Amino acid sequence: MKEVSFLLTPAEVNALLKLLNYIKFTCEDEEANIFKGSPFINSIFEKILKEYPIPLHQSKQRQKEILENIEKRLEQEDYYKGLSTEKKREYLSALLFPYPLD
């Protein structure tokens, strides 16, 4: 498949960001889990945020809330418990993107 370029209005970008945030950080549907750490979803996020960055004062608080929710969910997962510290950090980083893992 070839690369595609298209224009979005600011309202469409806002809607897309809300959708990405919902899928990655709010949606509890088990079938949505394949998207939460997806490199493709993270790439879309990265491209959008280059043009529309997250305000820093909002980013830190949101990052903290999201990380707490992710860690709470993962603590119950056997596959996560079996990961090395390094793999856990990589996994958390992908799930938390576009927010940095401090």
N, C-alpha and C. Protein backbone atom coordinates (compact mmCIF):
# COMPACT_ATOMS: atom_id res chain seq x y z
N MET A 1 0.85 -1.17 0.00
CA MET A 1 0.00 0.00 0.00
C MET A 1 0.90 1.24 0.00
N LYS A 2 0.53 2.20 -0.79
CA LYS A 2 1.34 3.42 -0.86
C LYS A 2 0.95 4.39 0.24
N GLU A 3 1.87 5.28 0.57
CA GLU A 3 1.62 6.30 1.58
C GLU A 3 0.60 7.30 1.06
N VAL A 4 -0.29 7.75 1.94
CA VAL A 4 -1.38 8.65 1.56
C VAL A 4 -1.26 9.94 2.37
N SER A 5 -1.49 11.04 1.72
CA SER A 5 -1.53 12.34 2.40
C SER A 5 -2.89 12.96 2.18
N PHE A 6 -3.41 13.60 3.22
CA PHE A 6 -4.68 14.30 3.08
C PHE A 6 -4.75 15.40 4.13
N LEU A 7 -5.64 16.34 3.92
CA LEU A 7 -5.80 17.47 4.82
C LEU A 7 -6.99 17.24 5.74
N LEU A 8 -6.82 17.67 6.98
CA LEU A 8 -7.90 17.61 7.96
C LEU A 8 -8.16 19.02 8.48
N THR A 9 -9.41 19.31 8.75
CA THR A 9 -9.73 20.59 9.38
C THR A 9 -9.34 20.50 10.86
N PRO A 10 -9.19 21.65 11.53
CA PRO A 10 -8.89 21.60 12.97
C PRO A 10 -9.94 20.80 13.76
N ALA A 11 -11.19 20.90 13.38
CA ALA A 11 -12.24 20.14 14.07
C ALA A 11 -12.05 18.63 13.85
N GLU A 12 -11.63 18.23 12.65
CA GLU A 12 -11.38 16.82 12.37
C GLU A 12 -10.16 16.31 13.14
N VAL A 13 -9.12 17.13 13.25
CA VAL A 13 -7.94 16.76 14.03
C VAL A 13 -8.34 16.58 15.49
N ASN A 14 -9.13 17.49 16.00
CA ASN A 14 -9.60 17.40 17.38
C ASN A 14 -10.40 16.12 17.59
N ALA A 15 -11.28 15.79 16.67
CA ALA A 15 -12.08 14.57 16.76
C ALA A 15 -11.18 13.33 16.73
N LEU A 16 -10.18 13.35 15.84
CA LEU A 16 -9.26 12.21 15.74
C LEU A 16 -8.45 12.05 17.03
N LEU A 17 -7.98 13.15 17.61
CA LEU A 17 -7.25 13.08 18.87
C LEU A 17 -8.13 12.54 20.00
N LYS A 18 -9.37 12.97 20.03
CA LYS A 18 -10.30 12.45 21.05
C LYS A 18 -10.52 10.96 20.87
N LEU A 19 -10.65 10.52 19.62
CA LEU A 19 -10.82 9.09 19.34
C LEU A 19 -9.59 8.29 19.77
N LEU A 20 -8.42 8.78 19.41
CA LEU A 20 -7.18 8.09 19.78
C LEU A 20 -7.02 8.03 21.30
N ASN A 21 -7.30 9.14 21.97
CA ASN A 21 -7.24 9.15 23.44
C ASN A 21 -8.23 8.16 24.04
N TYR A 22 -9.42 8.11 23.50
CA TYR A 22 -10.43 7.18 24.01
C TYR A 22 -9.97 5.73 23.84
N ILE A 23 -9.54 5.39 22.64
CA ILE A 23 -9.11 4.01 22.36
C ILE A 23 -7.94 3.62 23.24
N LYS A 24 -6.94 4.49 23.35
CA LYS A 24 -5.73 4.15 24.10
C LYS A 24 -5.92 4.17 25.61
N PHE A 25 -6.71 5.11 26.13
CA PHE A 25 -6.67 5.36 27.56
C PHE A 25 -7.98 5.17 28.31
N THR A 26 -9.11 5.11 27.63
CA THR A 26 -10.39 5.05 28.32
C THR A 26 -11.16 3.77 28.03
N CYS A 27 -11.16 3.35 26.78
CA CYS A 27 -11.96 2.21 26.35
C CYS A 27 -11.59 0.94 27.13
N GLU A 28 -12.59 0.28 27.67
CA GLU A 28 -12.35 -0.94 28.45
C GLU A 28 -12.71 -2.20 27.68
N ASP A 29 -13.12 -2.07 26.44
CA ASP A 29 -13.44 -3.22 25.61
C ASP A 29 -12.17 -4.03 25.36
N GLU A 30 -12.22 -5.32 25.66
CA GLU A 30 -11.06 -6.20 25.50
C GLU A 30 -10.53 -6.20 24.07
N GLU A 31 -11.40 -6.08 23.09
CA GLU A 31 -10.97 -6.09 21.69
C GLU A 31 -10.17 -4.85 21.32
N ALA A 32 -10.31 -3.78 22.08
CA ALA A 32 -9.56 -2.55 21.81
C ALA A 32 -8.12 -2.63 22.31
N ASN A 33 -7.81 -3.64 23.09
CA ASN A 33 -6.46 -3.75 23.66
C ASN A 33 -5.37 -3.84 22.59
N ILE A 34 -5.70 -4.37 21.42
CA ILE A 34 -4.68 -4.48 20.37
C ILE A 34 -4.23 -3.11 19.87
N PHE A 35 -5.03 -2.09 20.11
CA PHE A 35 -4.69 -0.74 19.65
C PHE A 35 -3.94 0.08 20.69
N LYS A 36 -4.02 -0.29 21.95
CA LYS A 36 -3.49 0.54 23.03
C LYS A 36 -1.99 0.76 22.94
N GLY A 37 -1.22 -0.23 22.55
CA GLY A 37 0.22 -0.08 22.41
C GLY A 37 0.68 -0.20 20.98
N SER A 38 -0.24 -0.11 20.05
CA SER A 38 0.08 -0.30 18.63
C SER A 38 1.06 0.73 18.11
N PRO A 39 2.12 0.28 17.42
CA PRO A 39 3.06 1.24 16.84
C PRO A 39 2.40 2.09 15.76
N PHE A 40 1.38 1.57 15.10
CA PHE A 40 0.68 2.34 14.07
C PHE A 40 -0.14 3.47 14.68
N ILE A 41 -0.85 3.16 15.75
CA ILE A 41 -1.63 4.18 16.46
C ILE A 41 -0.69 5.22 17.05
N ASN A 42 0.43 4.77 17.63
CA ASN A 42 1.39 5.70 18.20
C ASN A 42 2.01 6.59 17.13
N SER A 43 2.20 6.05 15.93
CA SER A 43 2.75 6.83 14.82
C SER A 43 1.77 7.92 14.39
N ILE A 44 0.50 7.59 14.34
CA ILE A 44 -0.52 8.59 14.01
C ILE A 44 -0.51 9.70 15.06
N PHE A 45 -0.49 9.29 16.33
CA PHE A 45 -0.43 10.25 17.42
C PHE A 45 0.78 11.17 17.26
N GLU A 46 1.94 10.58 16.99
CA GLU A 46 3.16 11.36 16.87
C GLU A 46 3.07 12.39 15.74
N LYS A 47 2.53 11.99 14.60
CA LYS A 47 2.40 12.89 13.46
C LYS A 47 1.46 14.05 13.77
N ILE A 48 0.34 13.75 14.42
CA ILE A 48 -0.61 14.81 14.76
C ILE A 48 -0.02 15.77 15.78
N LEU A 49 0.67 15.21 16.78
CA LEU A 49 1.19 16.05 17.86
C LEU A 49 2.38 16.92 17.43
N LYS A 50 3.00 16.58 16.31
CA LYS A 50 4.04 17.47 15.77
C LYS A 50 3.42 18.80 15.36
N GLU A 51 2.20 18.74 14.86
CA GLU A 51 1.49 19.95 14.43
C GLU A 51 0.64 20.57 15.54
N TYR A 52 0.13 19.74 16.43
CA TYR A 52 -0.74 20.19 17.51
C TYR A 52 -0.25 19.62 18.84
N PRO A 53 0.82 20.18 19.40
CA PRO A 53 1.39 19.63 20.64
C PRO A 53 0.46 19.76 21.83
N ILE A 54 0.63 18.85 22.77
CA ILE A 54 -0.14 18.87 24.02
C ILE A 54 0.43 19.96 24.91
N PRO A 55 -0.40 20.86 25.45
CA PRO A 55 0.11 21.88 26.38
C PRO A 55 0.75 21.19 27.60
N LEU A 56 1.95 21.60 27.95
CA LEU A 56 2.72 20.95 28.99
C LEU A 56 1.98 20.87 30.32
N HIS A 57 1.29 21.94 30.72
CA HIS A 57 0.59 21.93 32.01
C HIS A 57 -0.52 20.87 32.04
N GLN A 58 -1.13 20.57 30.91
CA GLN A 58 -2.15 19.53 30.84
C GLN A 58 -1.50 18.15 30.73
N SER A 59 -0.38 18.09 30.05
CA SER A 59 0.28 16.83 29.77
C SER A 59 0.72 16.10 31.04
N LYS A 60 1.34 16.79 31.98
CA LYS A 60 1.87 16.15 33.19
C LYS A 60 0.76 15.53 34.04
N GLN A 61 -0.32 16.25 34.23
CA GLN A 61 -1.42 15.72 35.03
C GLN A 61 -2.08 14.54 34.33
N ARG A 62 -2.32 14.67 33.04
CA ARG A 62 -2.94 13.59 32.27
C ARG A 62 -2.04 12.36 32.27
N GLN A 63 -0.74 12.57 32.11
CA GLN A 63 0.22 11.47 32.10
C GLN A 63 0.13 10.69 33.42
N LYS A 64 0.09 11.39 34.54
CA LYS A 64 0.03 10.76 35.85
C LYS A 64 -1.24 9.91 35.99
N GLU A 65 -2.37 10.48 35.60
CA GLU A 65 -3.65 9.76 35.69
C GLU A 65 -3.65 8.51 34.82
N ILE A 66 -3.17 8.66 33.61
CA ILE A 66 -3.16 7.53 32.67
C ILE A 66 -2.23 6.43 33.17
N LEU A 67 -1.04 6.80 33.63
CA LEU A 67 -0.08 5.81 34.11
C LEU A 67 -0.64 5.03 35.29
N GLU A 68 -1.31 5.72 36.21
CA GLU A 68 -1.92 5.05 37.35
C GLU A 68 -2.96 4.03 36.89
N ASN A 69 -3.80 4.41 35.93
CA ASN A 69 -4.82 3.50 35.41
C ASN A 69 -4.21 2.30 34.69
N ILE A 70 -3.18 2.54 33.90
CA ILE A 70 -2.51 1.45 33.17
C ILE A 70 -1.88 0.48 34.16
N GLU A 71 -1.14 1.00 35.13
CA GLU A 71 -0.48 0.13 36.11
C GLU A 71 -1.48 -0.68 36.92
N LYS A 72 -2.60 -0.06 37.28
CA LYS A 72 -3.64 -0.76 38.04
C LYS A 72 -4.20 -1.93 37.22
N ARG A 73 -4.43 -1.69 35.92
CA ARG A 73 -4.95 -2.74 35.04
C ARG A 73 -3.92 -3.86 34.84
N LEU A 74 -2.66 -3.49 34.65
CA LEU A 74 -1.63 -4.47 34.35
C LEU A 74 -1.25 -5.33 35.55
N GLU A 75 -1.39 -4.80 36.75
CA GLU A 75 -1.05 -5.56 37.95
C GLU A 75 -1.86 -6.86 38.06
N GLN A 76 -3.00 -6.90 37.37
CA GLN A 76 -3.87 -8.07 37.41
C GLN A 76 -3.56 -9.07 36.29
N GLU A 77 -2.65 -8.74 35.40
CA GLU A 77 -2.36 -9.56 34.23
C GLU A 77 -1.13 -10.43 34.47
N ASP A 78 -1.29 -11.75 34.33
CA ASP A 78 -0.18 -12.68 34.54
C ASP A 78 0.97 -12.45 33.57
N TYR A 79 0.66 -12.17 32.29
CA TYR A 79 1.74 -11.98 31.32
C TYR A 79 2.62 -10.80 31.69
N TYR A 80 2.03 -9.77 32.28
CA TYR A 80 2.79 -8.59 32.67
C TYR A 80 3.68 -8.90 33.87
N LYS A 81 3.17 -9.67 34.80
CA LYS A 81 3.93 -10.02 36.00
C LYS A 81 5.20 -10.80 35.63
N GLY A 82 5.14 -11.55 34.54
CA GLY A 82 6.27 -12.37 34.14
C GLY A 82 7.33 -11.63 33.33
N LEU A 83 7.09 -10.38 32.99
CA LEU A 83 8.06 -9.62 32.19
C LEU A 83 9.21 -9.12 33.05
N SER A 84 10.37 -8.97 32.43
CA SER A 84 11.52 -8.38 33.12
C SER A 84 11.23 -6.89 33.34
N THR A 85 12.00 -6.26 34.20
CA THR A 85 11.83 -4.84 34.48
C THR A 85 11.98 -4.02 33.20
N GLU A 86 12.95 -4.38 32.37
CA GLU A 86 13.18 -3.66 31.12
C GLU A 86 11.99 -3.81 30.17
N LYS A 87 11.45 -5.03 30.04
CA LYS A 87 10.30 -5.27 29.16
C LYS A 87 9.06 -4.56 29.69
N LYS A 88 8.88 -4.54 31.00
CA LYS A 88 7.75 -3.82 31.58
C LYS A 88 7.83 -2.34 31.22
N ARG A 89 9.04 -1.78 31.32
CA ARG A 89 9.23 -0.37 31.01
C ARG A 89 8.93 -0.09 29.54
N GLU A 90 9.39 -0.96 28.63
CA GLU A 90 9.12 -0.81 27.20
C GLU A 90 7.62 -0.87 26.93
N TYR A 91 6.96 -1.83 27.56
CA TYR A 91 5.52 -2.02 27.37
C TYR A 91 4.75 -0.81 27.90
N LEU A 92 5.09 -0.35 29.11
CA LEU A 92 4.44 0.83 29.68
C LEU A 92 4.65 2.05 28.80
N SER A 93 5.85 2.18 28.25
CA SER A 93 6.16 3.31 27.39
C SER A 93 5.26 3.32 26.15
N ALA A 94 5.05 2.15 25.54
CA ALA A 94 4.18 2.06 24.36
C ALA A 94 2.73 2.35 24.71
N LEU A 95 2.29 1.87 25.86
CA LEU A 95 0.91 2.09 26.28
C LEU A 95 0.66 3.55 26.66
N LEU A 96 1.65 4.20 27.22
CA LEU A 96 1.51 5.57 27.70
C LEU A 96 1.69 6.61 26.58
N PHE A 97 2.31 6.21 25.48
CA PHE A 97 2.56 7.15 24.38
C PHE A 97 1.28 7.84 23.97
N PRO A 98 1.27 9.12 23.77
CA PRO A 98 2.36 10.04 23.49
C PRO A 98 2.97 10.69 24.72
N TYR A 99 2.52 10.30 25.89
CA TYR A 99 3.09 10.85 27.11
C TYR A 99 4.37 10.11 27.45
N PRO A 100 5.41 10.83 27.90
CA PRO A 100 6.67 10.15 28.22
C PRO A 100 6.59 9.38 29.52
N LEU A 101 7.31 8.30 29.59
CA LEU A 101 7.43 7.52 30.82
C LEU A 101 8.64 8.06 31.56
N ASP A 102 8.40 8.73 32.69
CA ASP A 102 9.50 9.34 33.45
C ASP A 102 10.27 8.29 34.21
